[in-house]
Amino acid sequence: MNACNPYRPRTKGKIEKPFQYIEEQFVKGNKFDSMTHLNKAAEAFIEDSNNLKHGTTLRITNEYFTEEIPYLAPVKDKPFIITDLKERKVSLDSFISVDAVKYSVPIEYVGKK
């Protein structure tokens, strides 16, 4: 796996931010006796976090989510079928491009299709 370059939002950015928050606020400093204990503690942490005022939106996440429920589309119950598979070549920085969006792939695939 490639390490991401520092200060490169294209290769890091928003995807990793929730995990950083969870690690800093929940994981560090806690000990869990079992997976059951971890799961129960995580559920309580998520519930508490979602009832706090968000730093950016200044809204309580659970209240905002409740407002959004009528506008959410249901999850499809049928499996996704991909009919148009296209070949991609992995770039030297271990990314493929799909519709102008870059996705990282394992480094061993660099230069391969």
PDB file of N, CA and C in Angstrom:
ATOM      1  N   MET A   1       0.842  -1.184   0.000  1.00  0.00           N
ATOM      2  CA  MET A   1       0.000   0.000   0.000  1.00  0.00           C
ATOM      3  C   MET A   1       0.882   1.241   0.000  1.00  0.00           C
ATOM      4  N   ASN A   2       0.468   2.250  -0.753  1.00  0.00           N
ATOM      5  CA  ASN A   2       1.213   3.501  -0.835  1.00  0.00           C
ATOM      6  C   ASN A   2       0.878   4.410   0.332  1.00  0.00           C
ATOM      7  N   ALA A   3       1.906   5.057   0.873  1.00  0.00           N
ATOM      8  CA  ALA A   3       1.644   6.103   1.849  1.00  0.00           C
ATOM      9  C   ALA A   3       1.209   7.346   1.083  1.00  0.00           C
ATOM     10  N   CYS A   4       0.290   8.087   1.631  1.00  0.00           N
ATOM     11  CA  CYS A   4      -0.182   9.297   0.972  1.00  0.00           C
ATOM     12  C   CYS A   4       0.799  10.427   1.216  1.00  0.00           C
ATOM     13  N   ASN A   5       0.943  11.285   0.224  1.00  0.00           N
ATOM     14  CA  ASN A   5       1.789  12.459   0.384  1.00  0.00           C
ATOM     15  C   ASN A   5       1.128  13.435   1.342  1.00  0.00           C
ATOM     16  N   PRO A   6       1.917  14.091   2.231  1.00  0.00           N
ATOM     17  CA  PRO A   6       1.310  15.037   3.151  1.00  0.00           C
ATOM     18  C   PRO A   6       0.756  16.260   2.413  1.00  0.00           C
ATOM     19  N   TYR A   7      -0.314  16.817   2.956  1.00  0.00           N
ATOM     20  CA  TYR A   7      -0.942  18.024   2.420  1.00  0.00           C
ATOM     21  C   TYR A   7      -1.437  17.858   0.979  1.00  0.00           C
ATOM     22  N   ARG A   8      -1.840  16.650   0.616  1.00  0.00           N
ATOM     23  CA  ARG A   8      -2.386  16.400  -0.715  1.00  0.00           C
ATOM     24  C   ARG A   8      -3.835  15.945  -0.551  1.00  0.00           C
ATOM     25  N   PRO A   9      -4.795  16.862  -0.604  1.00  0.00           N
ATOM     26  CA  PRO A   9      -6.183  16.476  -0.370  1.00  0.00           C
ATOM     27  C   PRO A   9      -6.719  15.472  -1.380  1.00  0.00           C
ATOM     28  N   ARG A  10      -6.119  15.432  -2.591  1.00  0.00           N
ATOM     29  CA  ARG A  10      -6.576  14.450  -3.578  1.00  0.00           C
ATOM     30  C   ARG A  10      -6.304  13.036  -3.108  1.00  0.00           C
ATOM     31  N   THR A  11      -5.229  12.844  -2.343  1.00  0.00           N
ATOM     32  CA  THR A  11      -4.865  11.491  -1.927  1.00  0.00           C
ATOM     33  C   THR A  11      -5.259  11.188  -0.487  1.00  0.00           C
ATOM     34  N   LYS A  12      -5.710  12.156   0.263  1.00  0.00           N
ATOM     35  CA  LYS A  12      -6.140  11.931   1.641  1.00  0.00           C
ATOM     36  C   LYS A  12      -7.506  12.544   1.835  1.00  0.00           C
ATOM     37  N   GLY A  13      -7.559  13.611   2.569  1.00  0.00           N
ATOM     38  CA  GLY A  13      -8.747  14.429   2.649  1.00  0.00           C
ATOM     39  C   GLY A  13      -9.897  13.882   3.449  1.00  0.00           C
ATOM     40  N   LYS A  14     -11.087  14.141   2.965  1.00  0.00           N
ATOM     41  CA  LYS A  14     -12.309  13.927   3.713  1.00  0.00           C
ATOM     42  C   LYS A  14     -12.556  12.470   4.076  1.00  0.00           C
ATOM     43  N   ILE A  15     -12.091  11.548   3.277  1.00  0.00           N
ATOM     44  CA  ILE A  15     -12.347  10.133   3.543  1.00  0.00           C
ATOM     45  C   ILE A  15     -11.769   9.715   4.885  1.00  0.00           C
ATOM     46  N   GLU A  16     -10.591  10.211   5.227  1.00  0.00           N
ATOM     47  CA  GLU A  16      -9.930   9.784   6.446  1.00  0.00           C
ATOM     48  C   GLU A  16     -10.358  10.580   7.672  1.00  0.00           C
ATOM     49  N   LYS A  17     -11.009  11.707   7.514  1.00  0.00           N
ATOM     50  CA  LYS A  17     -11.347  12.566   8.630  1.00  0.00           C
ATOM     51  C   LYS A  17     -12.254  11.883   9.661  1.00  0.00           C
ATOM     52  N   PRO A  18     -13.312  11.172   9.269  1.00  0.00           N
ATOM     53  CA  PRO A  18     -14.143  10.513  10.289  1.00  0.00           C
ATOM     54  C   PRO A  18     -13.356   9.499  11.110  1.00  0.00           C
ATOM     55  N   PHE A  19     -12.418   8.804  10.474  1.00  0.00           N
ATOM     56  CA  PHE A  19     -11.642   7.810  11.201  1.00  0.00           C
ATOM     57  C   PHE A  19     -10.698   8.471  12.191  1.00  0.00           C
ATOM     58  N   GLN A  20     -10.168   9.641  11.828  1.00  0.00           N
ATOM     59  CA  GLN A  20      -9.308  10.384  12.739  1.00  0.00           C
ATOM     60  C   GLN A  20     -10.117  10.797  13.966  1.00  0.00           C
ATOM     61  N   TYR A  21     -11.320  11.287  13.764  1.00  0.00           N
ATOM     62  CA  TYR A  21     -12.191  11.698  14.866  1.00  0.00           C
ATOM     63  C   TYR A  21     -12.487  10.514  15.782  1.00  0.00           C
ATOM     64  N   ILE A  22     -12.833   9.382  15.192  1.00  0.00           N
ATOM     65  CA  ILE A  22     -13.145   8.182  15.989  1.00  0.00           C
ATOM     66  C   ILE A  22     -11.927   7.741  16.788  1.00  0.00           C
ATOM     67  N   GLU A  23     -10.769   7.745  16.152  1.00  0.00           N
ATOM     68  CA  GLU A  23      -9.553   7.331  16.848  1.00  0.00           C
ATOM     69  C   GLU A  23      -9.231   8.271  18.002  1.00  0.00           C
ATOM     70  N   GLU A  24      -9.288   9.575  17.742  1.00  0.00           N
ATOM     71  CA  GLU A  24      -8.933  10.561  18.767  1.00  0.00           C
ATOM     72  C   GLU A  24      -9.949  10.592  19.909  1.00  0.00           C
ATOM     73  N   GLN A  25     -11.229  10.518  19.598  1.00  0.00           N
ATOM     74  CA  GLN A  25     -12.266  10.710  20.606  1.00  0.00           C
ATOM     75  C   GLN A  25     -12.772   9.428  21.256  1.00  0.00           C
ATOM     76  N   PHE A  26     -12.587   8.303  20.585  1.00  0.00           N
ATOM     77  CA  PHE A  26     -13.168   7.054  21.099  1.00  0.00           C
ATOM     78  C   PHE A  26     -12.127   5.981  21.409  1.00  0.00           C
ATOM     79  N   VAL A  27     -11.251   5.703  20.471  1.00  0.00           N
ATOM     80  CA  VAL A  27     -10.344   4.564  20.621  1.00  0.00           C
ATOM     81  C   VAL A  27      -9.223   4.850  21.616  1.00  0.00           C
ATOM     82  N   LYS A  28      -8.540   5.972  21.446  1.00  0.00           N
ATOM     83  CA  LYS A  28      -7.389   6.282  22.296  1.00  0.00           C
ATOM     84  C   LYS A  28      -7.801   6.411  23.757  1.00  0.00           C
ATOM     85  N   GLY A  29      -7.057   5.720  24.603  1.00  0.00           N
ATOM     86  CA  GLY A  29      -7.310   5.789  26.036  1.00  0.00           C
ATOM     87  C   GLY A  29      -8.364   4.835  26.545  1.00  0.00           C
ATOM     88  N   ASN A  30      -9.002   4.090  25.666  1.00  0.00           N
ATOM     89  CA  ASN A  30     -10.022   3.129  26.088  1.00  0.00           C
ATOM     90  C   ASN A  30      -9.510   1.703  25.935  1.00  0.00           C
ATOM     91  N   LYS A  31     -10.002   0.834  26.795  1.00  0.00           N
ATOM     92  CA  LYS A  31      -9.707  -0.599  26.696  1.00  0.00           C
ATOM     93  C   LYS A  31     -11.026  -1.336  26.606  1.00  0.00           C
ATOM     94  N   PHE A  32     -11.049  -2.377  25.804  1.00  0.00           N
ATOM     95  CA  PHE A  32     -12.271  -3.140  25.595  1.00  0.00           C
ATOM     96  C   PHE A  32     -11.994  -4.607  25.920  1.00  0.00           C
ATOM     97  N   ASP A  33     -12.872  -5.193  26.726  1.00  0.00           N
ATOM     98  CA  ASP A  33     -12.694  -6.578  27.165  1.00  0.00           C
ATOM     99  C   ASP A  33     -13.019  -7.586  26.071  1.00  0.00           C
ATOM    100  N   SER A  34     -13.908  -7.201  25.174  1.00  0.00           N
ATOM    101  CA  SER A  34     -14.353  -8.120  24.124  1.00  0.00           C
ATOM    102  C   SER A  34     -14.939  -7.303  22.967  1.00  0.00           C
ATOM    103  N   MET A  35     -15.224  -7.974  21.876  1.00  0.00           N
ATOM    104  CA  MET A  35     -15.869  -7.315  20.745  1.00  0.00           C
ATOM    105  C   MET A  35     -17.268  -6.827  21.133  1.00  0.00           C
ATOM    106  N   THR A  36     -17.945  -7.576  21.983  1.00  0.00           N
ATOM    107  CA  THR A  36     -19.268  -7.162  22.440  1.00  0.00           C
ATOM    108  C   THR A  36     -19.168  -5.848  23.206  1.00  0.00           C
ATOM    109  N   HIS A  37     -18.188  -5.769  24.099  1.00  0.00           N
ATOM    110  CA  HIS A  37     -17.973  -4.542  24.867  1.00  0.00           C
ATOM    111  C   HIS A  37     -17.623  -3.387  23.932  1.00  0.00           C
ATOM    112  N   LEU A  38     -16.748  -3.627  22.964  1.00  0.00           N
ATOM    113  CA  LEU A  38     -16.371  -2.604  21.981  1.00  0.00           C
ATOM    114  C   LEU A  38     -17.593  -2.117  21.212  1.00  0.00           C
ATOM    115  N   ASN A  39     -18.420  -3.041  20.726  1.00  0.00           N
ATOM    116  CA  ASN A  39     -19.605  -2.674  19.945  1.00  0.00           C
ATOM    117  C   ASN A  39     -20.599  -1.854  20.763  1.00  0.00           C
ATOM    118  N   LYS A  40     -20.817  -2.237  22.025  1.00  0.00           N
ATOM    119  CA  LYS A  40     -21.740  -1.484  22.881  1.00  0.00           C
ATOM    120  C   LYS A  40     -21.198  -0.087  23.161  1.00  0.00           C
ATOM    121  N   ALA A  41     -19.895   0.006  23.425  1.00  0.00           N
ATOM    122  CA  ALA A  41     -19.275   1.309  23.675  1.00  0.00           C
ATOM    123  C   ALA A  41     -19.333   2.175  22.418  1.00  0.00           C
ATOM    124  N   ALA A  42     -19.144   1.559  21.253  1.00  0.00           N
ATOM    125  CA  ALA A  42     -19.196   2.302  19.987  1.00  0.00           C
ATOM    126  C   ALA A  42     -20.605   2.829  19.728  1.00  0.00           C
ATOM    127  N   GLU A  43     -21.618   2.029  19.987  1.00  0.00           N
ATOM    128  CA  GLU A  43     -23.005   2.478  19.807  1.00  0.00           C
ATOM    129  C   GLU A  43     -23.300   3.678  20.701  1.00  0.00           C
ATOM    130  N   ALA A  44     -22.855   3.620  21.957  1.00  0.00           N
ATOM    131  CA  ALA A  44     -23.072   4.733  22.885  1.00  0.00           C
ATOM    132  C   ALA A  44     -22.313   5.972  22.417  1.00  0.00           C
ATOM    133  N   PHE A  45     -21.084   5.790  21.940  1.00  0.00           N
ATOM    134  CA  PHE A  45     -20.279   6.903  21.441  1.00  0.00           C
ATOM    135  C   PHE A  45     -20.943   7.566  20.239  1.00  0.00           C
ATOM    136  N   ILE A  46     -21.436   6.762  19.306  1.00  0.00           N
ATOM    137  CA  ILE A  46     -22.093   7.297  18.113  1.00  0.00           C
ATOM    138  C   ILE A  46     -23.356   8.067  18.500  1.00  0.00           C
ATOM    139  N   GLU A  47     -24.135   7.507  19.394  1.00  0.00           N
ATOM    140  CA  GLU A  47     -25.360   8.179  19.831  1.00  0.00           C
ATOM    141  C   GLU A  47     -25.035   9.509  20.499  1.00  0.00           C
ATOM    142  N   ASP A  48     -24.043   9.516  21.387  1.00  0.00           N
ATOM    143  CA  ASP A  48     -23.642  10.759  22.059  1.00  0.00           C
ATOM    144  C   ASP A  48     -23.111  11.774  21.045  1.00  0.00           C
ATOM    145  N   SER A  49     -22.260  11.326  20.126  1.00  0.00           N
ATOM    146  CA  SER A  49     -21.663  12.232  19.138  1.00  0.00           C
ATOM    147  C   SER A  49     -22.716  12.849  18.231  1.00  0.00           C
ATOM    148  N   ASN A  50     -23.699  12.061  17.845  1.00  0.00           N
ATOM    149  CA  ASN A  50     -24.735  12.557  16.938  1.00  0.00           C
ATOM    150  C   ASN A  50     -25.732  13.479  17.622  1.00  0.00           C
ATOM    151  N   ASN A  51     -25.656  13.594  18.950  1.00  0.00           N
ATOM    152  CA  ASN A  51     -26.528  14.517  19.672  1.00  0.00           C
ATOM    153  C   ASN A  51     -25.798  15.782  20.106  1.00  0.00           C
ATOM    154  N   LEU A  52     -24.562  15.963  19.620  1.00  0.00           N
ATOM    155  CA  LEU A  52     -23.801  17.183  19.885  1.00  0.00           C
ATOM    156  C   LEU A  52     -23.934  18.133  18.696  1.00  0.00           C
ATOM    157  N   LYS A  53     -23.706  19.408  18.958  1.00  0.00           N
ATOM    158  CA  LYS A  53     -23.740  20.402  17.886  1.00  0.00           C
ATOM    159  C   LYS A  53     -22.492  20.230  17.027  1.00  0.00           C
ATOM    160  N   HIS A  54     -22.683  20.084  15.722  1.00  0.00           N
ATOM    161  CA  HIS A  54     -21.581  19.911  14.775  1.00  0.00           C
ATOM    162  C   HIS A  54     -20.806  21.214  14.658  1.00  0.00           C
ATOM    163  N   GLY A  55     -19.467  21.118  14.633  1.00  0.00           N
ATOM    164  CA  GLY A  55     -18.621  22.297  14.619  1.00  0.00           C
ATOM    165  C   GLY A  55     -18.736  23.134  13.363  1.00  0.00           C
ATOM    166  N   THR A  56     -19.038  22.523  12.234  1.00  0.00           N
ATOM    167  CA  THR A  56     -19.118  23.254  10.971  1.00  0.00           C
ATOM    168  C   THR A  56     -20.532  23.748  10.686  1.00  0.00           C
ATOM    169  N   THR A  57     -21.501  22.867  10.807  1.00  0.00           N
ATOM    170  CA  THR A  57     -22.878  23.240  10.465  1.00  0.00           C
ATOM    171  C   THR A  57     -23.604  23.921  11.618  1.00  0.00           C
ATOM    172  N   LEU A  58     -23.060  23.778  12.837  1.00  0.00           N
ATOM    173  CA  LEU A  58     -23.669  24.331  14.054  1.00  0.00           C
ATOM    174  C   LEU A  58     -25.086  23.794  14.279  1.00  0.00           C
ATOM    175  N   ARG A  59     -25.301  22.549  13.829  1.00  0.00           N
ATOM    176  CA  ARG A  59     -26.580  21.884  14.018  1.00  0.00           C
ATOM    177  C   ARG A  59     -26.350  20.543  14.685  1.00  0.00           C
ATOM    178  N   ILE A  60     -27.360  20.039  15.363  1.00  0.00           N
ATOM    179  CA  ILE A  60     -27.267  18.711  15.969  1.00  0.00           C
ATOM    180  C   ILE A  60     -27.529  17.688  14.871  1.00  0.00           C
ATOM    181  N   THR A  61     -26.589  16.758  14.713  1.00  0.00           N
ATOM    182  CA  THR A  61     -26.613  15.817  13.590  1.00  0.00           C
ATOM    183  C   THR A  61     -27.902  14.997  13.545  1.00  0.00           C
ATOM    184  N   ASN A  62     -28.350  14.452  14.672  1.00  0.00           N
ATOM    185  CA  ASN A  62     -29.574  13.638  14.669  1.00  0.00           C
ATOM    186  C   ASN A  62     -30.794  14.448  14.253  1.00  0.00           C
ATOM    187  N   GLU A  63     -30.864  15.717  14.664  1.00  0.00           N
ATOM    188  CA  GLU A  63     -32.003  16.556  14.269  1.00  0.00           C
ATOM    189  C   GLU A  63     -31.972  16.829  12.762  1.00  0.00           C
ATOM    190  N   TYR A  64     -30.789  17.106  12.242  1.00  0.00           N
ATOM    191  CA  TYR A  64     -30.635  17.363  10.812  1.00  0.00           C
ATOM    192  C   TYR A  64     -30.997  16.116  10.009  1.00  0.00           C
ATOM    193  N   PHE A  65     -30.559  14.954  10.490  1.00  0.00           N
ATOM    194  CA  PHE A  65     -30.859  13.698   9.804  1.00  0.00           C
ATOM    195  C   PHE A  65     -32.371  13.458   9.775  1.00  0.00           C
ATOM    196  N   THR A  66     -33.046  13.750  10.866  1.00  0.00           N
ATOM    197  CA  THR A  66     -34.503  13.576  10.921  1.00  0.00           C
ATOM    198  C   THR A  66     -35.192  14.430   9.862  1.00  0.00           C
ATOM    199  N   GLU A  67     -34.688  15.652   9.641  1.00  0.00           N
ATOM    200  CA  GLU A  67     -35.250  16.515   8.611  1.00  0.00           C
ATOM    201  C   GLU A  67     -35.011  15.951   7.207  1.00  0.00           C
ATOM    202  N   GLU A  68     -33.911  15.246   7.020  1.00  0.00           N
ATOM    203  CA  GLU A  68     -33.533  14.746   5.700  1.00  0.00           C
ATOM    204  C   GLU A  68     -34.223  13.434   5.324  1.00  0.00           C
ATOM    205  N   ILE A  69     -34.743  12.700   6.276  1.00  0.00           N
ATOM    206  CA  ILE A  69     -35.325  11.372   6.022  1.00  0.00           C
ATOM    207  C   ILE A  69     -36.348  11.368   4.882  1.00  0.00           C
ATOM    208  N   PRO A  70     -37.270  12.326   4.803  1.00  0.00           N
ATOM    209  CA  PRO A  70     -38.253  12.278   3.703  1.00  0.00           C
ATOM    210  C   PRO A  70     -37.627  12.379   2.310  1.00  0.00           C
ATOM    211  N   TYR A  71     -36.417  12.913   2.218  1.00  0.00           N
ATOM    212  CA  TYR A  71     -35.775  13.134   0.918  1.00  0.00           C
ATOM    213  C   TYR A  71     -34.798  12.024   0.539  1.00  0.00           C
ATOM    214  N   LEU A  72     -34.582  11.066   1.411  1.00  0.00           N
ATOM    215  CA  LEU A  72     -33.633   9.988   1.137  1.00  0.00           C
ATOM    216  C   LEU A  72     -34.290   8.905   0.288  1.00  0.00           C
ATOM    217  N   ALA A  73     -33.540   8.409  -0.681  1.00  0.00           N
ATOM    218  CA  ALA A  73     -34.040   7.337  -1.540  1.00  0.00           C
ATOM    219  C   ALA A  73     -33.791   5.992  -0.861  1.00  0.00           C
ATOM    220  N   PRO A  74     -34.696   5.025  -1.040  1.00  0.00           N
ATOM    221  CA  PRO A  74     -34.475   3.712  -0.441  1.00  0.00           C
ATOM    222  C   PRO A  74     -33.298   2.997  -1.106  1.00  0.00           C
ATOM    223  N   VAL A  75     -32.658   2.131  -0.345  1.00  0.00           N
ATOM    224  CA  VAL A  75     -31.570   1.326  -0.881  1.00  0.00           C
ATOM    225  C   VAL A  75     -32.170   0.260  -1.787  1.00  0.00           C
ATOM    226  N   LYS A  76     -31.549   0.052  -2.945  1.00  0.00           N
ATOM    227  CA  LYS A  76     -32.062  -0.949  -3.879  1.00  0.00           C
ATOM    228  C   LYS A  76     -31.910  -2.343  -3.286  1.00  0.00           C
ATOM    229  N   ASP A  77     -32.934  -3.148  -3.438  1.00  0.00           N
ATOM    230  CA  ASP A  77     -32.871  -4.503  -2.899  1.00  0.00           C
ATOM    231  C   ASP A  77     -32.318  -5.509  -3.901  1.00  0.00           C
ATOM    232  N   LYS A  78     -32.133  -5.082  -5.155  1.00  0.00           N
ATOM    233  CA  LYS A  78     -31.547  -5.964  -6.161  1.00  0.00           C
ATOM    234  C   LYS A  78     -30.053  -5.678  -6.269  1.00  0.00           C
ATOM    235  N   PRO A  79     -29.258  -6.680  -6.580  1.00  0.00           N
ATOM    236  CA  PRO A  79     -27.817  -6.444  -6.706  1.00  0.00           C
ATOM    237  C   PRO A  79     -27.511  -5.561  -7.920  1.00  0.00           C
ATOM    238  N   PHE A  80     -26.432  -4.801  -7.807  1.00  0.00           N
ATOM    239  CA  PHE A  80     -26.008  -3.974  -8.924  1.00  0.00           C
ATOM    240  C   PHE A  80     -25.375  -4.855  -9.993  1.00  0.00           C
ATOM    241  N   ILE A  81     -25.742  -4.632 -11.223  1.00  0.00           N
ATOM    242  CA  ILE A  81     -25.168  -5.399 -12.332  1.00  0.00           C
ATOM    243  C   ILE A  81     -24.393  -4.432 -13.208  1.00  0.00           C
ATOM    244  N   ILE A  82     -23.117  -4.664 -13.314  1.00  0.00           N
ATOM    245  CA  ILE A  82     -22.265  -3.804 -14.131  1.00  0.00           C
ATOM    246  C   ILE A  82     -22.151  -4.457 -15.504  1.00  0.00           C
ATOM    247  N   THR A  83     -22.668  -3.771 -16.501  1.00  0.00           N
ATOM    248  CA  THR A  83     -22.653  -4.351 -17.848  1.00  0.00           C
ATOM    249  C   THR A  83     -21.543  -3.780 -18.716  1.00  0.00           C
ATOM    250  N   ASP A  84     -21.088  -2.574 -18.399  1.00  0.00           N
ATOM    251  CA  ASP A  84     -20.103  -1.918 -19.244  1.00  0.00           C
ATOM    252  C   ASP A  84     -18.768  -1.794 -18.491  1.00  0.00           C
ATOM    253  N   LEU A  85     -17.987  -2.857 -18.494  1.00  0.00           N
ATOM    254  CA  LEU A  85     -16.684  -2.829 -17.835  1.00  0.00           C
ATOM    255  C   LEU A  85     -15.647  -2.285 -18.795  1.00  0.00           C
ATOM    256  N   LYS A  86     -14.859  -1.323 -18.324  1.00  0.00           N
ATOM    257  CA  LYS A  86     -13.823  -0.728 -19.152  1.00  0.00           C
ATOM    258  C   LYS A  86     -12.462  -1.030 -18.547  1.00  0.00           C
ATOM    259  N   GLU A  87     -11.485  -1.216 -19.425  1.00  0.00           N
ATOM    260  CA  GLU A  87     -10.127  -1.510 -18.980  1.00  0.00           C
ATOM    261  C   GLU A  87      -9.422  -0.218 -18.599  1.00  0.00           C
ATOM    262  N   ARG A  88      -8.676  -0.243 -17.511  1.00  0.00           N
ATOM    263  CA  ARG A  88      -7.910   0.907 -17.053  1.00  0.00           C
ATOM    264  C   ARG A  88      -6.465   0.488 -16.843  1.00  0.00           C
ATOM    265  N   LYS A  89      -5.536   1.429 -17.050  1.00  0.00           N
ATOM    266  CA  LYS A  89      -4.127   1.176 -16.766  1.00  0.00           C
ATOM    267  C   LYS A  89      -3.776   1.920 -15.485  1.00  0.00           C
ATOM    268  N   VAL A  90      -3.094   1.221 -14.568  1.00  0.00           N
ATOM    269  CA  VAL A  90      -2.726   1.809 -13.293  1.00  0.00           C
ATOM    270  C   VAL A  90      -1.530   2.736 -13.500  1.00  0.00           C
ATOM    271  N   SER A  91      -1.663   3.983 -13.036  1.00  0.00           N
ATOM    272  CA  SER A  91      -0.614   4.986 -13.218  1.00  0.00           C
ATOM    273  C   SER A  91       0.564   4.728 -12.280  1.00  0.00           C
ATOM    274  N   LEU A  92       1.646   5.467 -12.491  1.00  0.00           N
ATOM    275  CA  LEU A  92       2.851   5.306 -11.676  1.00  0.00           C
ATOM    276  C   LEU A  92       2.616   5.653 -10.213  1.00  0.00           C
ATOM    277  N   ASP A  93       1.639   6.508  -9.928  1.00  0.00           N
ATOM    278  CA  ASP A  93       1.336   6.830  -8.532  1.00  0.00           C
ATOM    279  C   ASP A  93       0.234   5.932  -7.965  1.00  0.00           C
ATOM    280  N   SER A  94      -0.002   4.799  -8.634  1.00  0.00           N
ATOM    281  CA  SER A  94      -0.910   3.736  -8.214  1.00  0.00           C
ATOM    282  C   SER A  94      -2.374   4.169  -8.118  1.00  0.00           C
ATOM    283  N   PHE A  95      -2.832   4.877  -9.154  1.00  0.00           N
ATOM    284  CA  PHE A  95      -4.229   5.286  -9.253  1.00  0.00           C
ATOM    285  C   PHE A  95      -4.786   4.876 -10.614  1.00  0.00           C
ATOM    286  N   ILE A  96      -6.101   4.668 -10.642  1.00  0.00           N
ATOM    287  CA  ILE A  96      -6.808   4.546 -11.907  1.00  0.00           C
ATOM    288  C   ILE A  96      -7.786   5.710 -11.967  1.00  0.00           C
ATOM    289  N   SER A  97      -8.145   6.116 -13.165  1.00  0.00           N
ATOM    290  CA  SER A  97      -9.081   7.219 -13.333  1.00  0.00           C
ATOM    291  C   SER A  97     -10.365   6.685 -13.950  1.00  0.00           C
ATOM    292  N   VAL A  98     -11.487   6.984 -13.301  1.00  0.00           N
ATOM    293  CA  VAL A  98     -12.801   6.592 -13.800  1.00  0.00           C
ATOM    294  C   VAL A  98     -13.670   7.841 -13.803  1.00  0.00           C
ATOM    295  N   ASP A  99     -14.067   8.268 -14.994  1.00  0.00           N
ATOM    296  CA  ASP A  99     -14.887   9.473 -15.142  1.00  0.00           C
ATOM    297  C   ASP A  99     -14.262  10.670 -14.420  1.00  0.00           C
ATOM    298  N   ALA A 100     -12.961  10.852 -14.613  1.00  0.00           N
ATOM    299  CA  ALA A 100     -12.192  11.972 -14.059  1.00  0.00           C
ATOM    300  C   ALA A 100     -12.048  11.925 -12.535  1.00  0.00           C
ATOM    301  N   VAL A 101     -12.337  10.784 -11.927  1.00  0.00           N
ATOM    302  CA  VAL A 101     -12.141  10.598 -10.490  1.00  0.00           C
ATOM    303  C   VAL A 101     -11.051   9.564 -10.305  1.00  0.00           C
ATOM    304  N   LYS A 102     -10.058   9.869  -9.451  1.00  0.00           N
ATOM    305  CA  LYS A 102      -8.952   8.937  -9.232  1.00  0.00           C
ATOM    306  C   LYS A 102      -9.244   8.021  -8.049  1.00  0.00           C
ATOM    307  N   TYR A 103      -8.912   6.737  -8.219  1.00  0.00           N
ATOM    308  CA  TYR A 103      -9.071   5.735  -7.178  1.00  0.00           C
ATOM    309  C   TYR A 103      -7.736   5.037  -6.982  1.00  0.00           C
ATOM    310  N   SER A 104      -7.328   4.843  -5.724  1.00  0.00           N
ATOM    311  CA  SER A 104      -6.054   4.184  -5.469  1.00  0.00           C
ATOM    312  C   SER A 104      -6.211   2.674  -5.574  1.00  0.00           C
ATOM    313  N   VAL A 105      -5.150   2.026  -6.012  1.00  0.00           N
ATOM    314  CA  VAL A 105      -5.095   0.568  -6.102  1.00  0.00           C
ATOM    315  C   VAL A 105      -3.772   0.114  -5.491  1.00  0.00           C
ATOM    316  N   PRO A 106      -3.647  -1.152  -5.108  1.00  0.00           N
ATOM    317  CA  PRO A 106      -2.384  -1.622  -4.538  1.00  0.00           C
ATOM    318  C   PRO A 106      -1.209  -1.382  -5.482  1.00  0.00           C
ATOM    319  N   ILE A 107      -0.068  -1.052  -4.918  1.00  0.00           N
ATOM    320  CA  ILE A 107       1.113  -0.645  -5.681  1.00  0.00           C
ATOM    321  C   ILE A 107       1.596  -1.738  -6.632  1.00  0.00           C
ATOM    322  N   GLU A 108       1.336  -2.994  -6.329  1.00  0.00           N
ATOM    323  CA  GLU A 108       1.812  -4.078  -7.202  1.00  0.00           C
ATOM    324  C   GLU A 108       1.143  -4.077  -8.576  1.00  0.00           C
ATOM    325  N   TYR A 109       0.076  -3.278  -8.743  1.00  0.00           N
ATOM    326  CA  TYR A 109      -0.618  -3.205 -10.026  1.00  0.00           C
ATOM    327  C   TYR A 109      -0.144  -2.055 -10.921  1.00  0.00           C
ATOM    328  N   VAL A 110       0.836  -1.267 -10.460  1.00  0.00           N
ATOM    329  CA  VAL A 110       1.346  -0.127 -11.245  1.00  0.00           C
ATOM    330  C   VAL A 110       1.777  -0.600 -12.618  1.00  0.00           C
ATOM    331  N   GLY A 111       1.307   0.087 -13.657  1.00  0.00           N
ATOM    332  CA  GLY A 111       1.661  -0.237 -15.026  1.00  0.00           C
ATOM    333  C   GLY A 111       0.831  -1.345 -15.651  1.00  0.00           C
ATOM    334  N   LYS A 112       0.032  -2.031 -14.862  1.00  0.00           N
ATOM    335  CA  LYS A 112      -0.795  -3.134 -15.375  1.00  0.00           C
ATOM    336  C   LYS A 112      -2.170  -2.634 -15.740  1.00  0.00           C
ATOM    337  N   LYS A 113      -2.870  -3.443 -16.551  1.00  0.00           N
ATOM    338  CA  LYS A 113      -4.257  -3.125 -16.924  1.00  0.00           C
ATOM    339  C   LYS A 113      -5.216  -3.947 -16.086  1.00  0.00           C
TER     340      LYS A 113
END
